[in-house]
């Protein structure tokens, strides 16, 4: 029951982030570029959630995102899967308590995810290769994501700890104590 409530909470947060991404941050852009809140969500799910559930949840959220506003079905699912796997891999080697470490991990995952999505768009849609424009867009998005993580880190950390407690139950047999 605790896990179901936590998953429902993740979906509610996803729809709130979708609203912020499409309505609020579309008006607060820097040179026409806004943050990618879904990479931040997938990264934090990878850091705090059970590594069994995280990839499935992120792929499902990515497919929802594709149905909402993408021209290629599956591209956001791949992006969120990569971000969540990055979070799972980084949690083994780094501390979740350091804001600087999480910000650096977010910067790396934003660049990696956007690079892979850009390459897939070039391959699938036969788009033109514009490296300077891509680097400009990605650098602004990285800065935007890093600022949001620095500001929202205490809130994200509380929610992450809450999720972690819901998915890592202590299985103690009480009849022996």
Protein backbone atom coordinates (compact mmCIF):
# COMPACT_ATOMS: atom_id res chain seq x y z
CA UNK A 1 0.00 0.00 0.00
CA UNK A 2 2.88 2.34 0.82
CA UNK A 3 4.51 1.64 -2.53
CA UNK A 4 1.28 2.22 -4.45
CA UNK A 5 0.78 5.57 -2.71
CA UNK A 6 4.38 6.53 -3.50
CA UNK A 7 3.96 5.63 -7.19
CA UNK A 8 0.72 7.62 -7.37
CA UNK A 9 2.59 10.54 -5.79
CA UNK A 10 5.31 10.23 -8.45
CA UNK A 11 2.66 10.43 -11.20
CA UNK A 12 1.07 13.49 -9.57
CA UNK A 13 4.49 15.15 -9.41
CA UNK A 14 5.07 14.19 -13.05
CA UNK A 15 1.87 15.93 -14.15
CA UNK A 16 2.74 18.98 -12.03
CA UNK A 17 6.18 19.10 -13.66
CA UNK A 18 4.54 18.75 -17.06
CA UNK A 19 2.38 21.77 -16.25
CA UNK A 20 5.39 23.78 -15.07
CA UNK A 21 7.47 22.74 -18.08
CA UNK A 22 4.79 23.57 -20.62
CA UNK A 23 3.14 26.61 -19.04
CA UNK A 24 5.36 28.32 -16.48
CA UNK A 25 8.88 27.74 -17.76
CA UNK A 26 7.87 28.36 -21.36
CA UNK A 27 7.48 32.02 -20.37
CA UNK A 28 10.70 32.14 -18.32
CA UNK A 29 13.19 31.09 -20.97
CA UNK A 30 16.76 32.18 -21.54
CA UNK A 31 17.33 32.70 -25.28
CA UNK A 32 14.28 30.54 -25.94
CA UNK A 33 15.58 27.62 -23.85
CA UNK A 34 13.97 26.35 -20.66
CA UNK A 35 14.94 23.69 -18.16
CA UNK A 36 14.23 20.00 -18.61
CA UNK A 37 12.46 19.11 -15.40
CA UNK A 38 11.95 15.52 -16.46
CA UNK A 39 15.68 14.79 -16.51
CA UNK A 40 15.86 16.11 -12.95
CA UNK A 41 12.92 13.91 -11.94
CA UNK A 42 14.40 10.78 -13.54
CA UNK A 43 17.80 11.47 -11.98
CA UNK A 44 16.34 11.85 -8.52
CA UNK A 45 14.19 8.75 -8.94
CA UNK A 46 17.38 6.88 -9.83
CA UNK A 47 19.13 8.27 -6.78
CA UNK A 48 16.41 7.64 -4.22
CA UNK A 49 14.08 4.94 -5.52
CA UNK A 50 14.56 1.21 -5.67
CA UNK A 51 16.68 0.29 -8.68
CA UNK A 52 14.15 -2.36 -9.69
CA UNK A 53 11.24 0.09 -10.04
CA UNK A 54 13.07 3.16 -11.35
CA UNK A 55 13.72 2.12 -14.99
CA UNK A 56 10.15 0.91 -15.49
CA UNK A 57 8.62 4.04 -13.97
CA UNK A 58 10.90 6.32 -16.01
CA UNK A 59 10.20 4.50 -19.29
CA UNK A 60 6.46 4.73 -18.62
CA UNK A 61 6.74 8.44 -17.78
CA UNK A 62 8.84 8.97 -20.91
CA UNK A 63 6.21 7.27 -23.07
CA UNK A 64 3.53 9.49 -21.50
CA UNK A 65 5.69 12.47 -22.31
CA UNK A 66 6.09 11.27 -25.90
CA UNK A 67 2.33 10.94 -26.31
CA UNK A 68 1.81 14.45 -24.93
CA UNK A 69 4.16 16.44 -27.12
CA UNK A 70 6.86 14.53 -28.97
CA UNK A 71 7.12 13.85 -32.67
CA UNK A 72 9.01 10.59 -32.09
CA UNK A 73 7.50 7.97 -29.80
CA UNK A 74 10.14 6.51 -27.48
CA UNK A 75 12.75 9.25 -27.53
CA UNK A 76 11.79 10.73 -24.16
CA UNK A 77 11.47 7.23 -22.73
CA UNK A 78 15.09 6.57 -23.73
CA UNK A 79 16.18 9.92 -22.29
CA UNK A 80 14.50 9.31 -18.93
CA UNK A 81 15.78 5.74 -18.82
CA UNK A 82 19.35 6.98 -19.33
CA UNK A 83 18.93 9.64 -16.64
CA UNK A 84 17.52 7.12 -14.17
CA UNK A 85 20.28 4.60 -14.86
CA UNK A 86 22.79 7.41 -14.39
CA UNK A 87 21.24 8.14 -11.00
CA UNK A 88 21.35 4.45 -10.07
CA UNK A 89 25.03 4.21 -11.03
CA UNK A 90 26.04 7.45 -9.31
CA UNK A 91 24.34 6.57 -6.02
CA UNK A 92 26.75 3.66 -5.59
CA UNK A 93 29.83 5.89 -5.80
CA UNK A 94 28.74 9.30 -4.50
CA UNK A 95 26.81 10.70 -1.57
CA UNK A 96 23.24 11.90 -2.03
CA UNK A 97 23.72 14.39 0.78
CA UNK A 98 26.10 16.72 -1.09
CA UNK A 99 24.36 19.44 -3.08
CA UNK A 100 27.48 20.09 -5.17
CA UNK A 101 27.85 16.44 -6.11
CA UNK A 102 24.20 16.16 -7.12
CA UNK A 103 24.49 19.36 -9.17
CA UNK A 104 27.55 18.03 -11.01
CA UNK A 105 25.78 14.71 -11.62
CA UNK A 106 22.78 16.64 -12.97
CA UNK A 107 25.00 18.64 -15.30
CA UNK A 108 26.59 15.45 -16.64
CA UNK A 109 23.26 13.64 -17.06
CA UNK A 110 21.63 16.62 -18.77
CA UNK A 111 24.46 16.78 -21.30
CA UNK A 112 24.50 13.02 -21.89
CA UNK A 113 20.71 12.76 -22.29
CA UNK A 114 20.43 15.75 -24.60
CA UNK A 115 23.37 14.52 -26.69
CA UNK A 116 21.78 11.10 -27.15
CA UNK A 117 18.41 12.64 -28.00
CA UNK A 118 20.12 14.97 -30.50
CA UNK A 119 21.93 12.06 -32.16
CA UNK A 120 18.70 10.03 -32.32
CA UNK A 121 16.87 12.99 -33.89
CA UNK A 122 19.62 13.30 -36.51
CA UNK A 123 19.41 9.59 -37.32
CA UNK A 124 15.62 9.22 -37.26
CA UNK A 125 14.46 12.56 -38.66
CA UNK A 126 17.48 13.16 -40.91
CA UNK A 127 17.93 16.56 -39.25
CA UNK A 128 20.80 18.89 -40.04
CA UNK A 129 23.83 18.79 -37.78
CA UNK A 130 24.26 22.14 -36.06
CA UNK A 131 26.84 21.69 -33.35
CA UNK A 132 27.15 25.35 -32.30
CA UNK A 133 23.38 25.76 -31.87
CA UNK A 134 23.19 22.45 -30.01
CA UNK A 135 25.98 23.43 -27.61
CA UNK A 136 24.32 26.79 -26.98
CA UNK A 137 20.97 25.19 -26.19
CA UNK A 138 22.48 22.46 -24.02
CA UNK A 139 24.68 24.87 -22.07
CA UNK A 140 21.69 27.10 -21.25
CA UNK A 141 19.63 24.06 -20.27
CA UNK A 142 22.46 22.78 -18.07
CA UNK A 143 22.73 26.14 -16.29
CA UNK A 144 18.96 26.29 -15.84
CA UNK A 145 18.79 22.73 -14.45
CA UNK A 146 21.75 23.35 -12.12
CA UNK A 147 20.15 26.53 -10.73
CA UNK A 148 16.87 24.70 -10.14
CA UNK A 149 18.63 21.84 -8.36
CA UNK A 150 20.58 24.22 -6.15
CA UNK A 151 17.40 26.06 -5.19
CA UNK A 152 15.08 23.05 -4.83
CA UNK A 153 17.56 20.55 -3.38
CA UNK A 154 16.22 20.56 0.22
CA UNK A 155 12.67 19.88 -1.01
CA UNK A 156 13.86 17.21 -3.43
CA UNK A 157 15.99 15.59 -0.73
CA UNK A 158 13.03 15.40 1.69
CA UNK A 159 10.84 13.85 -0.99
CA UNK A 160 13.65 11.46 -1.96
CA UNK A 161 14.14 10.33 1.62
CA UNK A 162 10.38 9.83 1.93
CA UNK A 163 10.41 7.69 -1.23
CA UNK A 164 13.41 5.75 -0.05
CA UNK A 165 11.68 4.93 3.23
CA UNK A 166 8.59 3.72 1.36
CA UNK A 167 10.52 1.36 -0.90
CA UNK A 168 13.15 0.03 1.50
CA UNK A 169 11.14 -1.48 4.29
CA UNK A 170 12.90 -3.28 7.09
CA UNK A 171 11.69 -6.84 7.05
CA UNK A 172 12.10 -7.79 10.67
CA UNK A 173 10.24 -10.68 12.16
CA UNK A 174 8.76 -9.18 15.30
CA UNK A 175 7.89 -12.47 16.98
CA UNK A 176 11.59 -13.04 17.76
CA UNK A 177 11.99 -9.75 19.66
